[in-house]
Structures are given as C-alpha cells and as structure tokens.
Amino acid sequence: MSSGIEAEVVLDAAVVLSLGMNRVLGHGAGLAGRGAEALAALAEGRAEARAAALAEVETHERALREVVERNARIAALAETAAKIGAEAALPERLQPGERSAAELTAWCAATDPLLDEAERRLSEHLAAQVATQIFTAPAEGLTADTGKSAPPPPTGDDVRRNLERIMARLLPDAAEEERRAVAEAAGLLAGTGTAEEAEDVLQEVRLRIQDANRRVEERRAEERRRAAERDAAEQAAAERRYVLDSITAAFEDMGYEVQAGFETLTADDGTLTLTKGAWPDHSVKMKVDDAAHVRASMVRERPAESEDDRRVDVEREREWCEAFEAARDRLRDAGIRSDVAWRLEPGVRELPVAARPGQTRGRASQRERHRERHN
C-alpha cells in the first residue's frame, strides 16, 4: 500500500446505543434524539450533559430490548395455544413507537404476570386433555397422541387429580413427540390395579416431563442464542453502514466525489473510491472492515511518465493526507474516533497504478442500470 493509511475505528457509545434503538424502532440510519444530544454534548465538551443524555439512551435502549423479548414470548405462546387447541388470554404486542423508557418498563412489568398466567393455563389445558383421554376414552383406544386405553384404574379420582397436578408441570411448548411420550406413560395408568402400581406410573410420568422440559429449555436457549447472533450481525451491519455514510459525508463536504464499491449489483463490499475534479490522474481507494478498521491508499489512473508526474504525485499525497486529518475531525463530531495505526508519508514510494482504470465508473453505470430495471 503506497502513501497508505491504516486506522482503527471506535464508535462512541451514544452511536452504538442509538443505532440499536433505531433498529428496534424501525427508523432509518439516523441517530435517535437523545443519542444526538449525547454526541453534541461530547463535541462541546459538556461532560455532565453528555453523561445524563447517555444514561437516558442506555435506559431507553434496555427498555426497548425488554419489550422485544415480551413481544416474542407473546407470539410464541399464541403459536403454542393454536397447536394444542387452547384459548389463551394474551396481551397485545406493544409497538414501542415514541413511548418513554418509563412507559416501556411499566408495560413489561404489567405484562410479565399475564404471560406467566397464560403459560400456566396452557399447561393445565394440556394436562386436562391427557387426563380426559385416559379416564374417559372409549375402550377401543385413545387418540393417536396418547396411546391405548383400558378401563379406568380402581383409584380413579385420586389418580386423576395427581396426574393433572403432575402434568401441569409440562411446559406447553413441548414438542409433539415429547407430549406423546408423556401421554403414553400416563396412559399406563389405565392398566394399574393398585395404588402402588399407579404411583410407579406417575413417577415415570414425572421423569418424562422432566426430560421434556429439559429439551424445551434447551430449545429456548438455542433460540435465544440464534436471536442474539442475528441481533449482533444486524448491529454490526448498522455500525458499518454508519461509518461508511459518515466517511462519505465528510469527504463530500470537502469537495470529493465518493463512490461505493459493490461485489455484486446489490452487495456493498465496504470499499470507497474518492476522486476530485482537479485530480484527473489520481484517486484514493478506501476499505472499511467491520466498522473497526479503515485502510486507504492513493493510486494513479495511468503510469507516471516524467519527473513532473512524480512531483504532482507528492503534491496529491500531501493534499490527501491533510484531507484525511480534516475528515478525522469531522468524524469525531459524528462519534467516530480513529486512531492511526500505520502511515506512509508522501513521496516515500512510487504510487501504484489502479488495476483496472475506469472500473469505478463501470460499476456506477451497472448500479444505475440495475436501479432503472427495478423502478
């Protein structure tokens, strides 16, 4: 990399939190209001005001995530209720909108006991279903979900109450095969003749419920893990996009033309090409990796042919280095701190020639044709 610069990029906490809030709220790439206030306070050196604004952003972002979790649980319980044919008194999912953090927190606190009660009632419904099939099913057999039946055991009423109490521990979102295994064990009660035999069967039911619930908890944990991975990937993409947009805005404000590089017609690969009208033979190639690392280097569009060309190269390199420092100041105001890890001073090496001159213009034309086809 000739006349190159490498810098580590760190996003301010206000940027990170605000981008997360915007994703939850479904807004664009702009910062949320309080996050912008925190950045303004940072730029103005008002530490106390920044701390207050940032604390409010953190509280609001945390409350938004709590609402997302409750909304997901409401959807899961509604799906479970439909699967087992039960009525569930579930609260409506909340659209956070412009609600305050206090309002969001209050809704979560009021919703939690409702969700716990709904889950309990779904478990009781499932328990009653199994008990009814075992103790009242016709002699020819139970449904396919519960196995075979026989005349009720002599200890019917007590056993049924114990069975329903034990079955109510089965989590309602147990998988079909897990419910079937529990029901098959419970179905053995129909063949018991003594209280001891019935208790042995009930113990087997307990064990199968424990196994089923363990599997349910494992699936829930796996779903939470996948959701966290999706959230992290979306956050990383939002941060990378914010860095790219901020760099683009900073250099465009200084008179540069900035074009994004695309691996395909639709996939932004994180590269930028900077040009100026007064630079017919030069451009700067920049690459942003994961919103954490920036690399940039100046290149020539055609080989240098004279000492005068090389003199111009050094002038352009100096101009570019000054512009990069000015851009760092602008980016700092946007909550993006950059620490230069490596720099090659102007004139140290001969500028490389761009691999394929005009490639950027070709890609821009491709993107324009792509947009026209989809309009």
Protein backbone atom coordinates (compact mmCIF):
# COMPACT_ATOMS: atom_id res chain seq x y z
CA MET A 1 0.00 0.00 0.00
CA SER A 2 1.69 3.19 -1.13
CA SER A 3 1.01 6.53 0.51
CA GLY A 4 -1.27 4.49 2.69
CA ILE A 5 -3.04 4.97 5.98
CA GLU A 6 -4.47 2.38 8.33
CA ALA A 7 -6.62 3.43 11.25
CA GLU A 8 -8.55 1.69 13.98
CA VAL A 9 -12.11 2.95 14.32
CA VAL A 10 -14.05 3.14 17.59
CA LEU A 11 -17.69 4.19 17.70
CA ASP A 12 -18.90 6.33 20.58
CA ALA A 13 -21.30 4.60 22.99
CA ALA A 14 -24.04 7.06 22.02
CA VAL A 15 -23.75 5.95 18.39
CA VAL A 16 -23.79 2.24 19.22
CA LEU A 17 -26.83 2.52 21.51
CA SER A 18 -28.74 4.82 19.17
CA LEU A 19 -28.20 2.55 16.18
CA GLY A 20 -29.60 -0.31 18.25
CA MET A 21 -32.63 1.78 19.18
CA ASN A 22 -33.25 2.73 15.57
CA ARG A 23 -33.18 -0.92 14.51
CA VAL A 24 -35.82 -1.82 17.11
CA LEU A 25 -37.96 1.17 16.24
CA GLY A 26 -37.62 0.56 12.51
CA HIS A 27 -36.23 4.01 11.79
CA GLY A 28 -33.56 4.81 9.24
CA ALA A 29 -29.84 5.14 9.79
CA GLY A 30 -30.09 8.50 11.61
CA LEU A 31 -29.32 8.69 15.31
CA ALA A 32 -32.12 8.75 17.87
CA GLY A 33 -32.75 12.13 19.50
CA ARG A 34 -31.08 11.56 22.86
CA GLY A 35 -28.10 9.90 21.20
CA ALA A 36 -27.65 13.01 19.07
CA GLU A 37 -27.79 15.12 22.22
CA ALA A 38 -25.07 12.99 23.80
CA LEU A 39 -22.87 13.44 20.72
CA ALA A 40 -23.46 17.19 20.70
CA ALA A 41 -22.52 17.38 24.37
CA LEU A 42 -19.38 15.36 23.61
CA ALA A 43 -18.39 17.74 20.80
CA GLU A 44 -18.98 20.75 23.04
CA GLY A 45 -17.08 19.29 25.95
CA ARG A 46 -20.09 19.27 28.27
CA ALA A 47 -19.26 16.14 30.26
CA GLU A 48 -22.16 16.35 32.71
CA ALA A 49 -24.77 16.88 29.99
CA ARG A 50 -23.26 14.06 27.95
CA ALA A 51 -23.37 11.66 30.89
CA ALA A 52 -27.04 12.47 31.51
CA ALA A 53 -28.02 12.07 27.85
CA LEU A 54 -26.05 8.84 27.51
CA ALA A 55 -27.62 7.39 30.66
CA GLU A 56 -31.06 8.12 29.22
CA VAL A 57 -30.13 6.43 25.93
CA GLU A 58 -28.89 3.36 27.79
CA THR A 59 -32.08 3.15 29.84
CA HIS A 60 -34.30 3.55 26.78
CA GLU A 61 -32.34 1.02 24.72
CA ARG A 62 -32.54 -1.53 27.55
CA ALA A 63 -36.29 -0.97 27.88
CA LEU A 64 -36.75 -1.45 24.13
CA ARG A 65 -34.95 -4.80 24.28
CA GLU A 66 -37.19 -5.88 27.16
CA VAL A 67 -40.26 -5.07 25.05
CA VAL A 68 -38.86 -7.07 22.12
CA GLU A 69 -38.41 -10.10 24.41
CA ARG A 70 -42.00 -9.84 25.70
CA ASN A 71 -43.38 -9.47 22.20
CA ALA A 72 -41.50 -12.61 21.16
CA ARG A 73 -42.90 -14.51 24.14
CA ILE A 74 -46.45 -13.39 23.31
CA ALA A 75 -46.01 -14.67 19.76
CA ALA A 76 -44.60 -18.00 20.98
CA LEU A 77 -47.45 -18.55 23.45
CA ALA A 78 -50.03 -17.71 20.78
CA GLU A 79 -48.44 -20.28 18.48
CA THR A 80 -48.47 -22.89 21.26
CA ALA A 81 -52.12 -22.20 22.06
CA ALA A 82 -53.04 -22.73 18.42
CA LYS A 83 -51.13 -26.03 18.30
CA ILE A 84 -52.88 -27.55 21.32
CA GLY A 85 -56.29 -26.04 20.57
CA ALA A 86 -56.47 -23.84 23.67
CA GLU A 87 -57.75 -20.35 24.34
CA ALA A 88 -55.07 -18.05 25.70
CA ALA A 89 -55.76 -14.66 27.27
CA LEU A 90 -52.66 -12.97 25.90
CA PRO A 91 -51.91 -9.23 25.94
CA GLU A 92 -51.46 -7.42 22.66
CA ARG A 93 -47.91 -6.98 21.47
CA LEU A 94 -46.61 -3.46 22.05
CA GLN A 95 -45.38 -1.15 19.32
CA PRO A 96 -42.76 0.94 21.18
CA GLY A 97 -43.14 3.97 18.93
CA GLU A 98 -42.31 7.17 20.77
CA ARG A 99 -43.04 5.81 24.25
CA SER A 100 -40.70 6.77 27.05
CA ALA A 101 -38.42 4.33 28.82
CA ALA A 102 -40.64 4.55 31.91
CA GLU A 103 -43.73 3.64 29.88
CA LEU A 104 -41.95 0.69 28.27
CA THR A 105 -40.70 -0.58 31.62
CA ALA A 106 -44.16 -0.26 33.17
CA TRP A 107 -45.70 -2.24 30.29
CA CYS A 108 -43.14 -5.03 30.75
CA ALA A 109 -43.83 -5.19 34.49
CA ALA A 110 -47.58 -5.42 33.88
CA THR A 111 -47.18 -7.96 31.09
CA ASP A 112 -44.93 -10.48 32.86
CA PRO A 113 -47.56 -11.87 35.27
CA LEU A 114 -50.08 -12.10 32.41
CA LEU A 115 -47.65 -14.17 30.37
CA ASP A 116 -46.83 -16.40 33.34
CA GLU A 117 -50.54 -16.98 33.93
CA ALA A 118 -51.15 -17.71 30.25
CA GLU A 119 -48.35 -20.28 30.22
CA ARG A 120 -49.72 -21.90 33.38
CA ARG A 121 -53.20 -22.15 31.89
CA LEU A 122 -51.86 -23.67 28.68
CA SER A 123 -50.04 -26.32 30.73
CA GLU A 124 -53.23 -27.03 32.70
CA HIS A 125 -55.19 -27.31 29.46
CA LEU A 126 -52.70 -29.82 28.13
CA ALA A 127 -52.82 -31.78 31.40
CA ALA A 128 -56.61 -31.87 31.36
CA GLN A 129 -56.59 -33.06 27.75
CA VAL A 130 -54.40 -36.03 28.58
CA ALA A 131 -56.31 -36.91 31.75
CA THR A 132 -59.63 -36.76 29.90
CA GLN A 133 -58.36 -39.03 27.16
CA ILE A 134 -57.04 -41.55 29.67
CA PHE A 135 -60.02 -41.69 32.01
CA THR A 136 -62.91 -41.21 29.59
CA ALA A 137 -61.66 -42.57 26.26
CA PRO A 138 -63.67 -45.44 24.73
CA ALA A 139 -62.40 -48.94 25.17
CA GLU A 140 -61.10 -49.19 21.60
CA GLY A 141 -58.34 -46.70 22.41
CA LEU A 142 -57.16 -43.16 22.86
CA THR A 143 -56.30 -40.73 20.11
CA ALA A 144 -53.04 -41.10 18.27
CA ASP A 145 -51.48 -38.56 20.61
CA THR A 146 -51.88 -40.56 23.81
CA GLY A 147 -51.68 -44.27 23.06
CA LYS A 148 -54.04 -47.07 24.05
CA SER A 149 -56.61 -47.07 26.83
CA ALA A 150 -58.33 -49.54 29.11
CA PRO A 151 -60.91 -49.27 31.88
CA PRO A 152 -60.09 -46.62 34.49
CA PRO A 153 -57.96 -47.80 37.44
CA PRO A 154 -59.67 -48.50 40.74
CA THR A 155 -58.11 -45.41 42.31
CA GLY A 156 -59.57 -43.16 39.57
CA ASP A 157 -60.38 -39.84 41.26
CA ASP A 158 -57.21 -39.54 43.34
CA VAL A 159 -55.01 -40.73 40.48
CA ARG A 160 -56.63 -38.31 38.07
CA ARG A 161 -56.05 -35.37 40.40
CA ASN A 162 -52.43 -36.40 40.90
CA LEU A 163 -51.96 -36.88 37.17
CA GLU A 164 -53.37 -33.45 36.33
CA ARG A 165 -51.18 -31.85 39.03
CA ILE A 166 -48.07 -33.55 37.67
CA MET A 167 -48.98 -32.97 34.03
CA ALA A 168 -49.43 -29.26 34.69
CA ARG A 169 -45.65 -29.08 35.09
CA LEU A 170 -45.17 -29.93 31.41
CA LEU A 171 -44.20 -26.79 29.54
CA PRO A 172 -46.85 -26.06 26.92
CA ASP A 173 -44.37 -25.62 24.07
CA ALA A 174 -43.08 -29.17 24.42
CA ALA A 175 -42.70 -30.78 21.02
CA GLU A 176 -45.30 -33.20 19.69
CA GLU A 177 -43.08 -36.25 20.23
CA GLU A 178 -42.34 -35.14 23.79
CA ARG A 179 -46.03 -34.70 24.60
CA ARG A 180 -46.67 -38.09 23.05
CA ALA A 181 -44.02 -39.75 25.25
CA VAL A 182 -45.54 -38.22 28.39
CA ALA A 183 -49.07 -39.18 27.34
CA GLU A 184 -48.03 -42.75 26.58
CA ALA A 185 -46.57 -43.09 30.09
CA ALA A 186 -49.72 -41.58 31.60
CA GLY A 187 -51.83 -43.98 29.55
CA LEU A 188 -50.34 -46.88 31.53
CA LEU A 189 -52.49 -45.76 34.49
CA ALA A 190 -55.46 -47.36 32.81
CA GLY A 191 -53.89 -50.76 33.37
CA THR A 192 -52.96 -50.35 37.02
CA GLY A 193 -54.78 -52.29 39.72
CA THR A 194 -53.26 -50.92 42.92
CA ALA A 195 -52.19 -47.56 44.34
CA GLU A 196 -48.55 -48.73 44.30
CA GLU A 197 -48.74 -49.56 40.60
CA ALA A 198 -50.37 -46.20 39.90
CA GLU A 199 -47.61 -44.39 41.81
CA ASP A 200 -44.95 -46.21 39.79
CA VAL A 201 -46.63 -44.99 36.61
CA LEU A 202 -46.91 -41.45 37.94
CA GLN A 203 -43.20 -41.48 38.74
CA GLU A 204 -42.48 -42.44 35.15
CA VAL A 205 -44.69 -39.55 34.03
CA ARG A 206 -42.68 -37.20 36.25
CA LEU A 207 -39.42 -38.39 34.74
CA ARG A 208 -40.67 -37.97 31.18
CA ILE A 209 -41.95 -34.49 31.98
CA GLN A 210 -38.55 -33.56 33.40
CA ASP A 211 -36.89 -34.83 30.23
CA ALA A 212 -39.38 -32.99 28.02
CA ASN A 213 -38.95 -29.73 29.95
CA ARG A 214 -35.17 -30.04 29.74
CA ARG A 215 -35.43 -30.32 25.98
CA VAL A 216 -37.79 -27.33 25.86
CA GLU A 217 -35.35 -25.22 27.88
CA GLU A 218 -32.52 -26.28 25.57
CA ARG A 219 -34.54 -25.21 22.52
CA ARG A 220 -35.44 -21.92 24.16
CA ALA A 221 -31.77 -21.29 24.97
CA GLU A 222 -30.81 -22.14 21.38
CA GLU A 223 -33.47 -19.77 20.05
CA ARG A 224 -32.17 -17.02 22.32
CA ARG A 225 -28.64 -17.72 21.12
CA ARG A 226 -29.67 -17.51 17.46
CA ALA A 227 -31.64 -14.33 18.15
CA ALA A 228 -28.58 -12.81 19.84
CA GLU A 229 -26.42 -13.74 16.85
CA ARG A 230 -28.91 -12.18 14.44
CA ASP A 231 -29.05 -9.07 16.59
CA ALA A 232 -25.25 -8.83 16.71
CA ALA A 233 -25.00 -9.28 12.94
CA GLU A 234 -27.64 -6.61 12.32
CA GLN A 235 -25.91 -4.25 14.75
CA ALA A 236 -22.55 -4.81 13.07
CA ALA A 237 -24.10 -4.09 9.67
CA ALA A 238 -25.72 -0.91 11.00
CA GLU A 239 -22.44 0.28 12.52
CA ARG A 240 -20.53 -0.44 9.32
CA ARG A 241 -23.14 1.41 7.29
CA TYR A 242 -22.96 4.36 9.68
CA VAL A 243 -19.18 4.55 9.32
CA LEU A 244 -19.39 4.36 5.53
CA ASP A 245 -22.11 7.01 5.37
CA SER A 246 -20.22 9.30 7.76
CA ILE A 247 -16.97 8.97 5.79
CA THR A 248 -18.85 9.64 2.57
CA ALA A 249 -20.50 12.76 4.01
CA ALA A 250 -17.23 14.07 5.47
CA PHE A 251 -15.30 13.85 2.20
CA GLU A 252 -18.19 15.05 0.05
CA ASP A 253 -18.41 18.14 2.26
CA MET A 254 -14.74 18.76 1.43
CA GLY A 255 -15.36 18.59 -2.32
CA TYR A 256 -14.58 14.95 -3.07
CA GLU A 257 -16.69 12.64 -5.16
CA VAL A 258 -17.24 9.37 -3.29
CA GLN A 259 -18.40 6.18 -4.97
CA ALA A 260 -19.13 2.91 -3.20
CA GLY A 261 -17.73 -0.37 -4.47
CA PHE A 262 -20.05 -3.33 -4.98
CA GLU A 263 -19.15 -7.01 -5.10
CA THR A 264 -22.43 -7.55 -6.97
CA LEU A 265 -25.10 -5.19 -8.21
CA THR A 266 -26.64 -5.12 -4.74
CA ALA A 267 -23.97 -6.12 -2.19
CA ASP A 268 -21.89 -3.25 -0.84
CA ASP A 269 -18.38 -4.56 -0.15
CA GLY A 270 -17.26 -1.70 2.10
CA THR A 271 -14.93 -0.04 -0.39
CA LEU A 272 -14.98 3.63 -1.39
CA THR A 273 -13.25 5.46 -4.21
CA LEU A 274 -12.52 9.17 -3.68
CA THR A 275 -11.88 11.47 -6.62
CA LYS A 276 -11.79 15.21 -7.32
CA GLY A 277 -12.31 17.23 -10.44
CA ALA A 278 -8.75 18.58 -10.11
CA TRP A 279 -7.38 15.02 -9.93
CA PRO A 280 -7.57 13.63 -13.47
CA ASP A 281 -4.86 11.06 -12.79
CA HIS A 282 -5.35 10.21 -9.11
CA SER A 283 -7.86 8.64 -6.76
CA VAL A 284 -7.96 7.21 -3.26
CA LYS A 285 -9.10 3.67 -2.57
CA MET A 286 -10.57 3.17 0.90
CA LYS A 287 -11.76 -0.02 2.62
CA VAL A 288 -13.85 -0.22 5.80
CA ASP A 289 -13.67 -3.56 7.58
CA ASP A 290 -16.43 -4.30 10.10
CA ALA A 291 -16.69 -0.66 11.26
CA ALA A 292 -13.45 -1.20 13.16
CA HIS A 293 -10.63 -0.76 10.65
CA VAL A 294 -10.06 1.67 7.79
CA ARG A 295 -7.38 1.34 5.11
CA ALA A 296 -6.75 3.92 2.43
CA SER A 297 -4.18 4.46 -0.30
CA MET A 298 -3.71 6.80 -3.22
CA VAL A 299 -3.33 5.31 -6.68
CA ARG A 300 -2.67 6.56 -10.19
CA GLU A 301 -5.07 6.00 -13.05
CA ARG A 302 -2.14 5.73 -15.51
CA PRO A 303 1.61 5.23 -15.03
CA ALA A 304 3.81 8.23 -14.19
CA GLU A 305 5.87 9.18 -17.25
CA SER A 306 8.08 12.02 -16.03
CA GLU A 307 9.62 13.69 -13.03
CA ASP A 308 6.85 16.28 -13.25
CA ASP A 309 4.29 13.47 -12.84
CA ARG A 310 6.11 12.28 -9.72
CA ARG A 311 6.20 15.83 -8.34
CA VAL A 312 2.43 16.04 -8.82
CA ASP A 313 2.09 12.68 -7.09
CA VAL A 314 3.75 14.06 -3.95
CA GLU A 315 1.54 17.15 -4.02
CA ARG A 316 -1.59 15.00 -4.31
CA GLU A 317 -0.38 12.75 -1.49
CA ARG A 318 0.15 15.74 0.80
CA GLU A 319 -3.25 17.10 -0.13
CA TRP A 320 -4.82 13.75 0.63
CA CYS A 321 -3.08 13.43 3.99
CA GLU A 322 -4.32 16.88 5.02
CA ALA A 323 -7.85 15.95 3.91
CA PHE A 324 -7.72 12.75 5.91
CA GLU A 325 -6.80 14.67 9.07
CA ALA A 326 -9.64 17.12 8.44
CA ALA A 327 -12.02 14.21 7.91
CA ARG A 328 -10.93 12.67 11.22
CA ASP A 329 -12.06 15.86 12.98
CA ARG A 330 -15.44 15.72 11.23
CA LEU A 331 -15.84 12.04 12.04
CA ARG A 332 -15.01 12.70 15.67
CA ASP A 333 -18.00 15.06 15.82
CA ALA A 334 -20.13 12.20 14.48
CA GLY A 335 -18.96 9.91 17.28
CA ILE A 336 -16.30 8.06 15.27
CA ARG A 337 -12.82 8.09 16.75
CA SER A 338 -9.97 6.96 14.52
CA ASP A 339 -6.51 6.09 15.77
CA VAL A 340 -3.87 5.91 13.04
CA ALA A 341 -2.01 2.62 13.35
CA TRP A 342 0.20 2.95 10.27
CA ARG A 343 1.02 5.74 7.83
CA LEU A 344 3.27 6.01 4.77
CA GLU A 345 4.48 9.55 4.27
CA PRO A 346 4.12 11.30 0.88
CA GLY A 347 6.85 10.59 -1.66
CA VAL A 348 8.30 7.56 0.12
CA ARG A 349 7.16 5.13 -2.56
CA GLU A 350 6.04 5.42 -6.14
CA LEU A 351 2.25 5.42 -6.46
CA PRO A 352 0.79 2.19 -7.81
CA VAL A 353 -1.42 2.21 -10.88
CA ALA A 354 -5.06 1.27 -10.47
CA ALA A 355 -5.55 -2.35 -11.56
CA ARG A 356 -8.42 -1.57 -13.91
CA PRO A 357 -8.80 2.11 -14.82
CA GLY A 358 -12.42 3.17 -15.19
CA GLN A 359 -13.66 0.27 -13.08
CA THR A 360 -15.42 2.57 -10.67
CA ARG A 361 -17.27 4.34 -13.45
CA GLY A 362 -18.27 0.96 -14.90
CA ARG A 363 -19.62 -0.19 -11.58
CA ALA A 364 -21.53 3.05 -11.13
CA SER A 365 -23.11 2.56 -14.55
CA GLN A 366 -24.01 -1.01 -13.62
CA ARG A 367 -25.71 0.15 -10.46
CA GLU A 368 -27.60 2.84 -12.37
CA ARG A 369 -28.84 0.26 -14.91
CA HIS A 370 -29.79 -2.04 -12.02
CA ARG A 371 -31.85 0.74 -10.41
CA GLU A 372 -33.55 1.52 -13.72
CA ARG A 373 -34.55 -2.13 -14.19
CA HIS A 374 -36.16 -2.18 -10.74
CA ASN A 375 -38.02 1.15 -10.97
